[in-house]
Amino acid sequence: MVLVTLRSDRSYLLYILEGERGPDVLAKLCRRRLRSKIPKLTEALTGRFNEHRGYPARLHLNLIEQHSAGIEELTCRIEVVPFRQERDLIVAIAGIRTSVADVIVTETGGDMSQFPTAGHLA
């Protein structure tokens, strides 16, 4: 394996799932403030991670990727008029981010007239 500097926990996990199990190697891949903690990282990374334990981790990463792809597809669909207009109106409500508005539009189709009151929507 090529020694690289990893940028996320996910990168670490993928590196381990690809077969790197050496705690010294894995500890040296850390960045910034963690560099001062290489001895502790080496100790923490010493364990019994094997193919059997890697299987569910790989399964979950695949599910995360599938869900992320689905979310991206829905987000692209919402960009199509008239859904984008509804999303922009919902985002105008204090405390509602775009990702939450996307869920609301996906669930309701953006048509709030089907709900007699805000309580019915909630």
PDB file of N, CA and C in Angstrom:
ATOM      1  N   MET A   1       0.828  -1.181   0.000  1.00  0.00           N
ATOM      2  CA  MET A   1       0.000   0.000   0.000  1.00  0.00           C
ATOM      3  C   MET A   1       0.875   1.248   0.000  1.00  0.00           C
ATOM      4  N   VAL A   2       0.364   2.272  -0.598  1.00  0.00           N
ATOM      5  CA  VAL A   2       1.067   3.542  -0.666  1.00  0.00           C
ATOM      6  C   VAL A   2       0.794   4.318   0.610  1.00  0.00           C
ATOM      7  N   LEU A   3       1.835   4.867   1.193  1.00  0.00           N
ATOM      8  CA  LEU A   3       1.674   5.663   2.404  1.00  0.00           C
ATOM      9  C   LEU A   3       1.117   7.028   2.015  1.00  0.00           C
ATOM     10  N   VAL A   4      -0.051   7.338   2.527  1.00  0.00           N
ATOM     11  CA  VAL A   4      -0.705   8.608   2.229  1.00  0.00           C
ATOM     12  C   VAL A   4      -1.135   9.242   3.545  1.00  0.00           C
ATOM     13  N   THR A   5      -1.505  10.506   3.474  1.00  0.00           N
ATOM     14  CA  THR A   5      -2.064  11.176   4.638  1.00  0.00           C
ATOM     15  C   THR A   5      -3.576  11.152   4.485  1.00  0.00           C
ATOM     16  N   LEU A   6      -4.248  10.530   5.438  1.00  0.00           N
ATOM     17  CA  LEU A   6      -5.692  10.378   5.346  1.00  0.00           C
ATOM     18  C   LEU A   6      -6.384  11.601   5.927  1.00  0.00           C
ATOM     19  N   ARG A   7      -7.539  11.931   5.373  1.00  0.00           N
ATOM     20  CA  ARG A   7      -8.231  13.150   5.753  1.00  0.00           C
ATOM     21  C   ARG A   7      -9.501  12.922   6.575  1.00  0.00           C
ATOM     22  N   SER A   8      -9.924  11.678   6.769  1.00  0.00           N
ATOM     23  CA  SER A   8     -11.161  11.455   7.503  1.00  0.00           C
ATOM     24  C   SER A   8     -11.170  10.080   8.147  1.00  0.00           C
ATOM     25  N   ASP A   9     -12.098   9.917   9.080  1.00  0.00           N
ATOM     26  CA  ASP A   9     -12.288   8.609   9.708  1.00  0.00           C
ATOM     27  C   ASP A   9     -12.664   7.578   8.658  1.00  0.00           C
ATOM     28  N   ARG A  10     -13.455   7.995   7.700  1.00  0.00           N
ATOM     29  CA  ARG A  10     -13.872   7.095   6.631  1.00  0.00           C
ATOM     30  C   ARG A  10     -12.664   6.624   5.820  1.00  0.00           C
ATOM     31  N   SER A  11     -11.744   7.528   5.571  1.00  0.00           N
ATOM     32  CA  SER A  11     -10.525   7.151   4.855  1.00  0.00           C
ATOM     33  C   SER A  11      -9.746   6.104   5.635  1.00  0.00           C
ATOM     34  N   TYR A  12      -9.653   6.294   6.954  1.00  0.00           N
ATOM     35  CA  TYR A  12      -8.976   5.307   7.797  1.00  0.00           C
ATOM     36  C   TYR A  12      -9.653   3.954   7.666  1.00  0.00           C
ATOM     37  N   LEU A  13     -10.963   3.959   7.782  1.00  0.00           N
ATOM     38  CA  LEU A  13     -11.710   2.705   7.719  1.00  0.00           C
ATOM     39  C   LEU A  13     -11.517   2.020   6.367  1.00  0.00           C
ATOM     40  N   LEU A  14     -11.571   2.785   5.297  1.00  0.00           N
ATOM     41  CA  LEU A  14     -11.362   2.201   3.970  1.00  0.00           C
ATOM     42  C   LEU A  14      -9.955   1.626   3.844  1.00  0.00           C
ATOM     43  N   TYR A  15      -8.986   2.313   4.395  1.00  0.00           N
ATOM     44  CA  TYR A  15      -7.607   1.842   4.356  1.00  0.00           C
ATOM     45  C   TYR A  15      -7.483   0.506   5.079  1.00  0.00           C
ATOM     46  N   ILE A  16      -8.132   0.407   6.236  1.00  0.00           N
ATOM     47  CA  ILE A  16      -8.112  -0.842   7.008  1.00  0.00           C
ATOM     48  C   ILE A  16      -8.844  -1.941   6.245  1.00  0.00           C
ATOM     49  N   LEU A  17      -9.994  -1.609   5.655  1.00  0.00           N
ATOM     50  CA  LEU A  17     -10.767  -2.609   4.912  1.00  0.00           C
ATOM     51  C   LEU A  17     -10.027  -3.103   3.676  1.00  0.00           C
ATOM     52  N   GLU A  18      -9.130  -2.274   3.140  1.00  0.00           N
ATOM     53  CA  GLU A  18      -8.330  -2.690   1.983  1.00  0.00           C
ATOM     54  C   GLU A  18      -7.190  -3.623   2.388  1.00  0.00           C
ATOM     55  N   GLY A  19      -7.003  -3.802   3.709  1.00  0.00           N
ATOM     56  CA  GLY A  19      -6.028  -4.786   4.142  1.00  0.00           C
ATOM     57  C   GLY A  19      -4.912  -4.295   5.039  1.00  0.00           C
ATOM     58  N   GLU A  20      -4.775  -2.992   5.212  1.00  0.00           N
ATOM     59  CA  GLU A  20      -3.708  -2.493   6.084  1.00  0.00           C
ATOM     60  C   GLU A  20      -4.118  -2.699   7.534  1.00  0.00           C
ATOM     61  N   ARG A  21      -3.341  -3.462   8.279  1.00  0.00           N
ATOM     62  CA  ARG A  21      -3.665  -3.738   9.671  1.00  0.00           C
ATOM     63  C   ARG A  21      -2.557  -3.294  10.629  1.00  0.00           C
ATOM     64  N   GLY A  22      -1.432  -2.843  10.094  1.00  0.00           N
ATOM     65  CA  GLY A  22      -0.298  -2.464  10.938  1.00  0.00           C
ATOM     66  C   GLY A  22      -0.569  -1.202  11.722  1.00  0.00           C
ATOM     67  N   PRO A  23      -0.619  -1.293  13.063  1.00  0.00           N
ATOM     68  CA  PRO A  23      -0.906  -0.118  13.879  1.00  0.00           C
ATOM     69  C   PRO A  23       0.109   1.003  13.696  1.00  0.00           C
ATOM     70  N   ASP A  24       1.380   0.651  13.499  1.00  0.00           N
ATOM     71  CA  ASP A  24       2.403   1.690  13.288  1.00  0.00           C
ATOM     72  C   ASP A  24       2.136   2.449  11.999  1.00  0.00           C
ATOM     73  N   VAL A  25       1.826   1.723  10.945  1.00  0.00           N
ATOM     74  CA  VAL A  25       1.546   2.348   9.642  1.00  0.00           C
ATOM     75  C   VAL A  25       0.309   3.221   9.736  1.00  0.00           C
ATOM     76  N   LEU A  26      -0.754   2.684  10.327  1.00  0.00           N
ATOM     77  CA  LEU A  26      -2.007   3.433  10.426  1.00  0.00           C
ATOM     78  C   LEU A  26      -1.855   4.688  11.282  1.00  0.00           C
ATOM     79  N   ALA A  27      -1.118   4.591  12.373  1.00  0.00           N
ATOM     80  CA  ALA A  27      -0.920   5.745  13.254  1.00  0.00           C
ATOM     81  C   ALA A  27      -0.171   6.862  12.533  1.00  0.00           C
ATOM     82  N   LYS A  28       0.780   6.493  11.690  1.00  0.00           N
ATOM     83  CA  LYS A  28       1.577   7.503  10.987  1.00  0.00           C
ATOM     84  C   LYS A  28       0.812   8.200   9.869  1.00  0.00           C
ATOM     85  N   LEU A  29      -0.390   7.733   9.564  1.00  0.00           N
ATOM     86  CA  LEU A  29      -1.200   8.351   8.520  1.00  0.00           C
ATOM     87  C   LEU A  29      -2.005   9.542   9.029  1.00  0.00           C
ATOM     88  N   CYS A  30      -1.990   9.760  10.338  1.00  0.00           N
ATOM     89  CA  CYS A  30      -2.804  10.827  10.909  1.00  0.00           C
ATOM     90  C   CYS A  30      -2.272  12.202  10.521  1.00  0.00           C
ATOM     91  N   ARG A  31      -3.105  13.196  10.749  1.00  0.00           N
ATOM     92  CA  ARG A  31      -2.771  14.561  10.370  1.00  0.00           C
ATOM     93  C   ARG A  31      -2.806  15.497  11.571  1.00  0.00           C
ATOM     94  N   ARG A  32      -2.217  16.640  11.396  1.00  0.00           N
ATOM     95  CA  ARG A  32      -2.240  17.792  12.287  1.00  0.00           C
ATOM     96  C   ARG A  32      -2.031  17.442  13.757  1.00  0.00           C
ATOM     97  N   ARG A  33      -3.019  17.763  14.599  1.00  0.00           N
ATOM     98  CA  ARG A  33      -2.857  17.611  16.053  1.00  0.00           C
ATOM     99  C   ARG A  33      -2.661  16.163  16.476  1.00  0.00           C
ATOM    100  N   LEU A  34      -3.189  15.230  15.707  1.00  0.00           N
ATOM    101  CA  LEU A  34      -3.036  13.817  16.065  1.00  0.00           C
ATOM    102  C   LEU A  34      -1.590  13.335  15.916  1.00  0.00           C
ATOM    103  N   ARG A  35      -0.793  14.046  15.140  1.00  0.00           N
ATOM    104  CA  ARG A  35       0.601  13.633  14.948  1.00  0.00           C
ATOM    105  C   ARG A  35       1.333  13.536  16.285  1.00  0.00           C
ATOM    106  N   SER A  36       0.978  14.387  17.236  1.00  0.00           N
ATOM    107  CA  SER A  36       1.642  14.354  18.539  1.00  0.00           C
ATOM    108  C   SER A  36       1.183  13.162  19.382  1.00  0.00           C
ATOM    109  N   LYS A  37       0.153  12.463  18.927  1.00  0.00           N
ATOM    110  CA  LYS A  37      -0.403  11.349  19.694  1.00  0.00           C
ATOM    111  C   LYS A  37      -0.149   9.995  19.025  1.00  0.00           C
ATOM    112  N   ILE A  38       0.866   9.925  18.173  1.00  0.00           N
ATOM    113  CA  ILE A  38       1.141   8.684  17.445  1.00  0.00           C
ATOM    114  C   ILE A  38       1.331   7.488  18.388  1.00  0.00           C
ATOM    115  N   PRO A  39       2.051   7.605  19.506  1.00  0.00           N
ATOM    116  CA  PRO A  39       2.181   6.438  20.391  1.00  0.00           C
ATOM    117  C   PRO A  39       0.822   5.933  20.912  1.00  0.00           C
ATOM    118  N   LYS A  40      -0.040   6.854  21.303  1.00  0.00           N
ATOM    119  CA  LYS A  40      -1.364   6.454  21.786  1.00  0.00           C
ATOM    120  C   LYS A  40      -2.209   5.880  20.653  1.00  0.00           C
ATOM    121  N   LEU A  41      -2.090   6.449  19.467  1.00  0.00           N
ATOM    122  CA  LEU A  41      -2.818   5.920  18.312  1.00  0.00           C
ATOM    123  C   LEU A  41      -2.361   4.509  17.979  1.00  0.00           C
ATOM    124  N   THR A  42      -1.069   4.285  18.029  1.00  0.00           N
ATOM    125  CA  THR A  42      -0.527   2.950  17.756  1.00  0.00           C
ATOM    126  C   THR A  42      -1.125   1.937  18.723  1.00  0.00           C
ATOM    127  N   GLU A  43      -1.180   2.323  19.986  1.00  0.00           N
ATOM    128  CA  GLU A  43      -1.762   1.433  20.998  1.00  0.00           C
ATOM    129  C   GLU A  43      -3.255   1.196  20.723  1.00  0.00           C
ATOM    130  N   ALA A  44      -3.980   2.263  20.378  1.00  0.00           N
ATOM    131  CA  ALA A  44      -5.421   2.142  20.123  1.00  0.00           C
ATOM    132  C   ALA A  44      -5.710   1.320  18.874  1.00  0.00           C
ATOM    133  N   LEU A  45      -4.817   1.373  17.899  1.00  0.00           N
ATOM    134  CA  LEU A  45      -5.038   0.663  16.636  1.00  0.00           C
ATOM    135  C   LEU A  45      -4.576  -0.790  16.678  1.00  0.00           C
ATOM    136  N   THR A  46      -3.982  -1.190  17.789  1.00  0.00           N
ATOM    137  CA  THR A  46      -3.568  -2.584  17.951  1.00  0.00           C
ATOM    138  C   THR A  46      -4.792  -3.384  18.382  1.00  0.00           C
ATOM    139  N   GLY A  47      -5.146  -4.349  17.580  1.00  0.00           N
ATOM    140  CA  GLY A  47      -6.355  -5.088  17.922  1.00  0.00           C
ATOM    141  C   GLY A  47      -6.533  -6.326  17.074  1.00  0.00           C
ATOM    142  N   ARG A  48      -7.775  -6.760  17.011  1.00  0.00           N
ATOM    143  CA  ARG A  48      -8.106  -7.993  16.311  1.00  0.00           C
ATOM    144  C   ARG A  48      -9.038  -7.747  15.139  1.00  0.00           C
ATOM    145  N   PHE A  49      -8.838  -6.668  14.436  1.00  0.00           N
ATOM    146  CA  PHE A  49      -9.677  -6.383  13.267  1.00  0.00           C
ATOM    147  C   PHE A  49      -9.269  -7.337  12.156  1.00  0.00           C
ATOM    148  N   ASN A  50     -10.239  -8.118  11.679  1.00  0.00           N
ATOM    149  CA  ASN A  50      -9.964  -9.089  10.623  1.00  0.00           C
ATOM    150  C   ASN A  50     -11.075  -9.036   9.581  1.00  0.00           C
ATOM    151  N   GLU A  51     -11.034  -9.926   8.608  1.00  0.00           N
ATOM    152  CA  GLU A  51     -12.038  -9.936   7.546  1.00  0.00           C
ATOM    153  C   GLU A  51     -13.448 -10.111   8.113  1.00  0.00           C
ATOM    154  N   HIS A  52     -13.584 -10.959   9.118  1.00  0.00           N
ATOM    155  CA  HIS A  52     -14.897 -11.194   9.725  1.00  0.00           C
ATOM    156  C   HIS A  52     -15.472  -9.896  10.300  1.00  0.00           C
ATOM    157  N   ARG A  53     -14.646  -9.132  10.989  1.00  0.00           N
ATOM    158  CA  ARG A  53     -15.096  -7.868  11.568  1.00  0.00           C
ATOM    159  C   ARG A  53     -15.230  -6.780  10.503  1.00  0.00           C
ATOM    160  N   GLY A  54     -14.495  -6.925   9.430  1.00  0.00           N
ATOM    161  CA  GLY A  54     -14.561  -5.942   8.356  1.00  0.00           C
ATOM    162  C   GLY A  54     -15.811  -6.056   7.503  1.00  0.00           C
ATOM    163  N   TYR A  55     -16.391  -7.255   7.461  1.00  0.00           N
ATOM    164  CA  TYR A  55     -17.571  -7.466   6.618  1.00  0.00           C
ATOM    165  C   TYR A  55     -18.723  -6.521   6.970  1.00  0.00           C
ATOM    166  N   PRO A  56     -19.143  -6.453   8.252  1.00  0.00           N
ATOM    167  CA  PRO A  56     -20.244  -5.520   8.557  1.00  0.00           C
ATOM    168  C   PRO A  56     -19.855  -4.060   8.340  1.00  0.00           C
ATOM    169  N   ALA A  57     -18.597  -3.724   8.565  1.00  0.00           N
ATOM    170  CA  ALA A  57     -18.158  -2.345   8.323  1.00  0.00           C
ATOM    171  C   ALA A  57     -18.293  -2.002   6.843  1.00  0.00           C
ATOM    172  N   ARG A  58     -17.859  -2.910   5.980  1.00  0.00           N
ATOM    173  CA  ARG A  58     -17.982  -2.701   4.529  1.00  0.00           C
ATOM    174  C   ARG A  58     -19.463  -2.620   4.137  1.00  0.00           C
ATOM    175  N   LEU A  59     -20.287  -3.481   4.714  1.00  0.00           N
ATOM    176  CA  LEU A  59     -21.724  -3.488   4.435  1.00  0.00           C
ATOM    177  C   LEU A  59     -22.347  -2.136   4.784  1.00  0.00           C
ATOM    178  N   HIS A  60     -21.983  -1.609   5.951  1.00  0.00           N
ATOM    179  CA  HIS A  60     -22.530  -0.318   6.371  1.00  0.00           C
ATOM    180  C   HIS A  60     -22.023   0.828   5.497  1.00  0.00           C
ATOM    181  N   LEU A  61     -20.770   0.789   5.125  1.00  0.00           N
ATOM    182  CA  LEU A  61     -20.254   1.831   4.226  1.00  0.00           C
ATOM    183  C   LEU A  61     -20.985   1.794   2.888  1.00  0.00           C
ATOM    184  N   ASN A  62     -21.258   0.603   2.377  1.00  0.00           N
ATOM    185  CA  ASN A  62     -22.005   0.483   1.121  1.00  0.00           C
ATOM    186  C   ASN A  62     -23.411   1.052   1.264  1.00  0.00           C
ATOM    187  N   LEU A  63     -24.055   0.788   2.402  1.00  0.00           N
ATOM    188  CA  LEU A  63     -25.389   1.335   2.633  1.00  0.00           C
ATOM    189  C   LEU A  63     -25.352   2.859   2.707  1.00  0.00           C
ATOM    190  N   ILE A  64     -24.342   3.397   3.367  1.00  0.00           N
ATOM    191  CA  ILE A  64     -24.197   4.853   3.450  1.00  0.00           C
ATOM    192  C   ILE A  64     -24.040   5.435   2.049  1.00  0.00           C
ATOM    193  N   GLU A  65     -23.232   4.796   1.215  1.00  0.00           N
ATOM    194  CA  GLU A  65     -23.043   5.277  -0.153  1.00  0.00           C
ATOM    195  C   GLU A  65     -24.337   5.205  -0.955  1.00  0.00           C
ATOM    196  N   GLN A  66     -25.122   4.127  -0.776  1.00  0.00           N
ATOM    197  CA  GLN A  66     -26.405   4.008  -1.471  1.00  0.00           C
ATOM    198  C   GLN A  66     -27.370   5.092  -1.031  1.00  0.00           C
ATOM    199  N   HIS A  67     -27.436   5.326   0.279  1.00  0.00           N
ATOM    200  CA  HIS A  67     -28.325   6.372   0.787  1.00  0.00           C
ATOM    201  C   HIS A  67     -27.871   7.753   0.308  1.00  0.00           C
ATOM    202  N   SER A  68     -26.579   7.980   0.292  1.00  0.00           N
ATOM    203  CA  SER A  68     -26.061   9.265  -0.188  1.00  0.00           C
ATOM    204  C   SER A  68     -26.417   9.473  -1.653  1.00  0.00           C
ATOM    205  N   ALA A  69     -26.326   8.411  -2.453  1.00  0.00           N
ATOM    206  CA  ALA A  69     -26.696   8.509  -3.868  1.00  0.00           C
ATOM    207  C   ALA A  69     -28.187   8.807  -4.015  1.00  0.00           C
ATOM    208  N   GLY A  70     -29.011   8.168  -3.180  1.00  0.00           N
ATOM    209  CA  GLY A  70     -30.450   8.422  -3.220  1.00  0.00           C
ATOM    210  C   GLY A  70     -30.785   9.848  -2.832  1.00  0.00           C
ATOM    211  N   ILE A  71     -30.122  10.357  -1.811  1.00  0.00           N
ATOM    212  CA  ILE A  71     -30.332  11.737  -1.373  1.00  0.00           C
ATOM    213  C   ILE A  71     -29.930  12.696  -2.483  1.00  0.00           C
ATOM    214  N   GLU A  72     -28.808  12.416  -3.134  1.00  0.00           N
ATOM    215  CA  GLU A  72     -28.350  13.266  -4.235  1.00  0.00           C
ATOM    216  C   GLU A  72     -29.364  13.252  -5.380  1.00  0.00           C
ATOM    217  N   GLU A  73     -29.909  12.084  -5.670  1.00  0.00           N
ATOM    218  CA  GLU A  73     -30.908  11.974  -6.741  1.00  0.00           C
ATOM    219  C   GLU A  73     -32.164  12.781  -6.403  1.00  0.00           C
ATOM    220  N   LEU A  74     -32.623  12.673  -5.150  1.00  0.00           N
ATOM    221  CA  LEU A  74     -33.793  13.449  -4.730  1.00  0.00           C
ATOM    222  C   LEU A  74     -33.502  14.946  -4.771  1.00  0.00           C
ATOM    223  N   THR A  75     -32.311  15.330  -4.345  1.00  0.00           N
ATOM    224  CA  THR A  75     -31.934  16.736  -4.373  1.00  0.00           C
ATOM    225  C   THR A  75     -31.954  17.271  -5.791  1.00  0.00           C
ATOM    226  N   CYS A  76     -31.452  16.480  -6.738  1.00  0.00           N
ATOM    227  CA  CYS A  76     -31.483  16.898  -8.148  1.00  0.00           C
ATOM    228  C   CYS A  76     -32.921  17.033  -8.634  1.00  0.00           C
ATOM    229  N   ARG A  77     -33.788  16.120  -8.208  1.00  0.00           N
ATOM    230  CA  ARG A  77     -35.198  16.169  -8.612  1.00  0.00           C
ATOM    231  C   ARG A  77     -35.870  17.415  -8.054  1.00  0.00           C
ATOM    232  N   ILE A  78     -35.518  17.777  -6.828  1.00  0.00           N
ATOM    233  CA  ILE A  78     -36.109  18.951  -6.195  1.00  0.00           C
ATOM    234  C   ILE A  78     -35.684  20.225  -6.920  1.00  0.00           C
ATOM    235  N   GLU A  79     -34.526  20.202  -7.550  1.00  0.00           N
ATOM    236  CA  GLU A  79     -34.050  21.371  -8.296  1.00  0.00           C
ATOM    237  C   GLU A  79     -34.967  21.691  -9.483  1.00  0.00           C
ATOM    238  N   VAL A  80     -35.783  20.724  -9.876  1.00  0.00           N
ATOM    239  CA  VAL A  80     -36.693  20.927 -11.006  1.00  0.00           C
ATOM    240  C   VAL A  80     -37.881  21.751 -10.529  1.00  0.00           C
ATOM    241  N   VAL A  81     -38.262  22.739 -11.325  1.00  0.00           N
ATOM    242  CA  VAL A  81     -39.440  23.563 -11.014  1.00  0.00           C
ATOM    243  C   VAL A  81     -40.652  22.651 -11.081  1.00  0.00           C
ATOM    244  N   PRO A  82     -41.625  22.670 -10.205  1.00  0.00           N
ATOM    245  CA  PRO A  82     -41.869  23.692  -9.194  1.00  0.00           C
ATOM    246  C   PRO A  82     -41.280  23.376  -7.825  1.00  0.00           C
ATOM    247  N   PHE A  83     -40.622  22.235  -7.668  1.00  0.00           N
ATOM    248  CA  PHE A  83     -40.166  21.840  -6.342  1.00  0.00           C
ATOM    249  C   PHE A  83     -39.153  22.806  -5.749  1.00  0.00           C
ATOM    250  N   ARG A  84     -38.330  23.391  -6.572  1.00  0.00           N
ATOM    251  CA  ARG A  84     -37.326  24.304  -6.043  1.00  0.00           C
ATOM    252  C   ARG A  84     -37.974  25.517  -5.382  1.00  0.00           C
ATOM    253  N   GLN A  85     -39.039  25.997  -5.974  1.00  0.00           N
ATOM    254  CA  GLN A  85     -39.732  27.151  -5.391  1.00  0.00           C
ATOM    255  C   GLN A  85     -40.293  26.810  -4.012  1.00  0.00           C
ATOM    256  N   GLU A  86     -40.887  25.621  -3.894  1.00  0.00           N
ATOM    257  CA  GLU A  86     -41.423  25.205  -2.601  1.00  0.00           C
ATOM    258  C   GLU A  86     -40.301  25.064  -1.575  1.00  0.00           C
ATOM    259  N   ARG A  87     -39.193  24.470  -2.005  1.00  0.00           N
ATOM    260  CA  ARG A  87     -38.073  24.305  -1.087  1.00  0.00           C
ATOM    261  C   ARG A  87     -37.554  25.656  -0.619  1.00  0.00           C
ATOM    262  N   ASP A  88     -37.441  26.605  -1.536  1.00  0.00           N
ATOM    263  CA  ASP A  88     -36.948  27.930  -1.159  1.00  0.00           C
ATOM    264  C   ASP A  88     -37.876  28.607  -0.155  1.00  0.00           C
ATOM    265  N   LEU A  89     -39.180  28.393  -0.292  1.00  0.00           N
ATOM    266  CA  LEU A  89     -40.127  28.954   0.674  1.00  0.00           C
ATOM    267  C   LEU A  89     -39.970  28.293   2.043  1.00  0.00           C
ATOM    268  N   ILE A  90     -39.793  26.980   2.037  1.00  0.00           N
ATOM    269  CA  ILE A  90     -39.657  26.250   3.308  1.00  0.00           C
ATOM    270  C   ILE A  90     -38.360  26.645   4.015  1.00  0.00           C
ATOM    271  N   VAL A  91     -37.291  26.844   3.258  1.00  0.00           N
ATOM    272  CA  VAL A  91     -36.010  27.243   3.849  1.00  0.00           C
ATOM    273  C   VAL A  91     -36.111  28.621   4.500  1.00  0.00           C
ATOM    274  N   ALA A  92     -37.073  29.427   4.070  1.00  0.00           N
ATOM    275  CA  ALA A  92     -37.252  30.753   4.659  1.00  0.00           C
ATOM    276  C   ALA A  92     -37.743  30.671   6.102  1.00  0.00           C
ATOM    277  N   ILE A  93     -38.241  29.518   6.521  1.00  0.00           N
ATOM    278  CA  ILE A  93     -38.678  29.324   7.907  1.00  0.00           C
ATOM    279  C   ILE A  93     -37.430  29.213   8.788  1.00  0.00           C
ATOM    280  N   ALA A  94     -37.405  29.973   9.847  1.00  0.00           N
ATOM    281  CA  ALA A  94     -36.249  29.975  10.745  1.00  0.00           C
ATOM    282  C   ALA A  94     -35.974  28.571  11.270  1.00  0.00           C
ATOM    283  N   GLY A  95     -34.711  28.163  11.191  1.00  0.00           N
ATOM    284  CA  GLY A  95     -34.290  26.881  11.732  1.00  0.00           C
ATOM    285  C   GLY A  95     -34.372  25.709  10.763  1.00  0.00           C
ATOM    286  N   ILE A  96     -34.836  25.941   9.547  1.00  0.00           N
ATOM    287  CA  ILE A  96     -34.941  24.847   8.568  1.00  0.00           C
ATOM    288  C   ILE A  96     -33.858  25.022   7.516  1.00  0.00           C
ATOM    289  N   ARG A  97     -32.948  24.030   7.486  1.00  0.00           N
ATOM    290  CA  ARG A  97     -31.871  24.025   6.497  1.00  0.00           C
ATOM    291  C   ARG A  97     -32.377  23.431   5.192  1.00  0.00           C
ATOM    292  N   THR A  98     -31.587  23.577   4.153  1.00  0.00           N
ATOM    293  CA  THR A  98     -31.939  23.045   2.842  1.00  0.00           C
ATOM    294  C   THR A  98     -32.157  21.541   2.880  1.00  0.00           C
ATOM    295  N   SER A  99     -31.306  20.816   3.601  1.00  0.00           N
ATOM    296  CA  SER A  99     -31.449  19.360   3.648  1.00  0.00           C
ATOM    297  C   SER A  99     -32.777  18.954   4.292  1.00  0.00           C
ATOM    298  N   VAL A 100     -33.213  19.681   5.314  1.00  0.00           N
ATOM    299  CA  VAL A 100     -34.495  19.387   5.960  1.00  0.00           C
ATOM    300  C   VAL A 100     -35.636  19.757   5.017  1.00  0.00           C
ATOM    301  N   ALA A 101     -35.506  20.895   4.351  1.00  0.00           N
ATOM    302  CA  ALA A 101     -36.529  21.311   3.387  1.00  0.00           C
ATOM    303  C   ALA A 101     -36.651  20.285   2.263  1.00  0.00           C
ATOM    304  N   ASP A 102     -35.536  19.705   1.845  1.00  0.00           N
ATOM    305  CA  ASP A 102     -35.572  18.658   0.810  1.00  0.00           C
ATOM    306  C   ASP A 102     -36.408  17.469   1.273  1.00  0.00           C
ATOM    307  N   VAL A 103     -36.252  17.101   2.536  1.00  0.00           N
ATOM    308  CA  VAL A 103     -37.035  15.983   3.082  1.00  0.00           C
ATOM    309  C   VAL A 103     -38.512  16.340   3.100  1.00  0.00           C
ATOM    310  N   ILE A 104     -38.833  17.550   3.533  1.00  0.00           N
ATOM    311  CA  ILE A 104     -40.233  17.984   3.592  1.00  0.00           C
ATOM    312  C   ILE A 104     -40.848  17.970   2.193  1.00  0.00           C
ATOM    313  N   VAL A 105     -40.135  18.495   1.218  1.00  0.00           N
ATOM    314  CA  VAL A 105     -40.646  18.508  -0.159  1.00  0.00           C
ATOM    315  C   VAL A 105     -40.806  17.085  -0.678  1.00  0.00           C
ATOM    316  N   THR A 106     -39.850  16.224  -0.367  1.00  0.00           N
ATOM    317  CA  THR A 106     -39.928  14.831  -0.813  1.00  0.00           C
ATOM    318  C   THR A 106     -41.148  14.149  -0.207  1.00  0.00           C
ATOM    319  N   GLU A 107     -41.400  14.376   1.057  1.00  0.00           N
ATOM    320  CA  GLU A 107     -42.524  13.730   1.741  1.00  0.00           C
ATOM    321  C   GLU A 107     -43.876  14.299   1.328  1.00  0.00           C
ATOM    322  N   THR A 108     -43.934  15.598   1.069  1.00  0.00           N
ATOM    323  CA  THR A 108     -45.224  16.243   0.801  1.00  0.00           C
ATOM    324  C   THR A 108     -45.459  16.539  -0.670  1.00  0.00           C
ATOM    325  N   GLY A 109     -44.413  16.457  -1.467  1.00  0.00           N
ATOM    326  CA  GLY A 109     -44.536  16.860  -2.858  1.00  0.00           C
ATOM    327  C   GLY A 109     -44.608  18.374  -2.991  1.00  0.00           C
ATOM    328  N   GLY A 110     -44.389  19.071  -1.896  1.00  0.00           N
ATOM    329  CA  GLY A 110     -44.395  20.524  -1.910  1.00  0.00           C
ATOM    330  C   GLY A 110     -45.793  21.124  -1.837  1.00  0.00           C
ATOM    331  N   ASP A 111     -46.821  20.286  -1.847  1.00  0.00           N
ATOM    332  CA  ASP A 111     -48.206  20.768  -1.823  1.00  0.00           C
ATOM    333  C   ASP A 111     -48.724  20.753  -0.398  1.00  0.00           C
ATOM    334  N   MET A 112     -48.690  21.904   0.240  1.00  0.00           N
ATOM    335  CA  MET A 112     -49.131  21.990   1.637  1.00  0.00           C
ATOM    336  C   MET A 112     -50.645  22.136   1.739  1.00  0.00           C
ATOM    337  N   SER A 113     -51.336  22.350   0.626  1.00  0.00           N
ATOM    338  CA  SER A 113     -52.790  22.528   0.664  1.00  0.00           C
ATOM    339  C   SER A 113     -53.511  21.258   1.102  1.00  0.00           C
ATOM    340  N   GLN A 114     -52.833  20.133   1.031  1.00  0.00           N
ATOM    341  CA  GLN A 114     -53.454  18.873   1.455  1.00  0.00           C
ATOM    342  C   GLN A 114     -53.573  18.777   2.979  1.00  0.00           C
ATOM    343  N   PHE A 115     -52.929  19.704   3.701  1.00  0.00           N
ATOM    344  CA  PHE A 115     -52.962  19.712   5.157  1.00  0.00           C
ATOM    345  C   PHE A 115     -53.833  20.882   5.618  1.00  0.00           C
ATOM    346  N   PRO A 116     -54.952  20.605   6.287  1.00  0.00           N
ATOM    347  CA  PRO A 116     -55.850  21.687   6.713  1.00  0.00           C
ATOM    348  C   PRO A 116     -55.180  22.690   7.654  1.00  0.00           C
ATOM    349  N   THR A 117     -54.282  22.186   8.529  1.00  0.00           N
ATOM    350  CA  THR A 117     -53.590  23.073   9.468  1.00  0.00           C
ATOM    351  C   THR A 117     -52.143  22.657   9.578  1.00  0.00           C
ATOM    352  N   ALA A 118     -51.348  23.515  10.203  1.00  0.00           N
ATOM    353  CA  ALA A 118     -49.932  23.178  10.433  1.00  0.00           C
ATOM    354  C   ALA A 118     -49.817  21.944  11.322  1.00  0.00           C
ATOM    355  N   GLY A 119     -50.753  21.785  12.233  1.00  0.00           N
ATOM    356  CA  GLY A 119     -50.761  20.614  13.115  1.00  0.00           C
ATOM    357  C   GLY A 119     -50.930  19.319  12.325  1.00  0.00           C
ATOM    358  N   HIS A 120     -51.762  19.349  11.290  1.00  0.00           N
ATOM    359  CA  HIS A 120     -51.932  18.163  10.464  1.00  0.00           C
ATOM    360  C   HIS A 120     -50.631  17.802   9.744  1.00  0.00           C
ATOM    361  N   LEU A 121     -49.899  18.818   9.290  1.00  0.00           N
ATOM    362  CA  LEU A 121     -48.616  18.576   8.645  1.00  0.00           C
ATOM    363  C   LEU A 121     -47.621  17.986   9.634  1.00  0.00           C
ATOM    364  N   ALA A 122     -47.584  18.556  10.843  1.00  0.00           N
ATOM    365  CA  ALA A 122     -46.650  18.077  11.859  1.00  0.00           C
ATOM    366  C   ALA A 122     -46.972  16.658  12.257  1.00  0.00           C
TER     367      ALA A 122
END
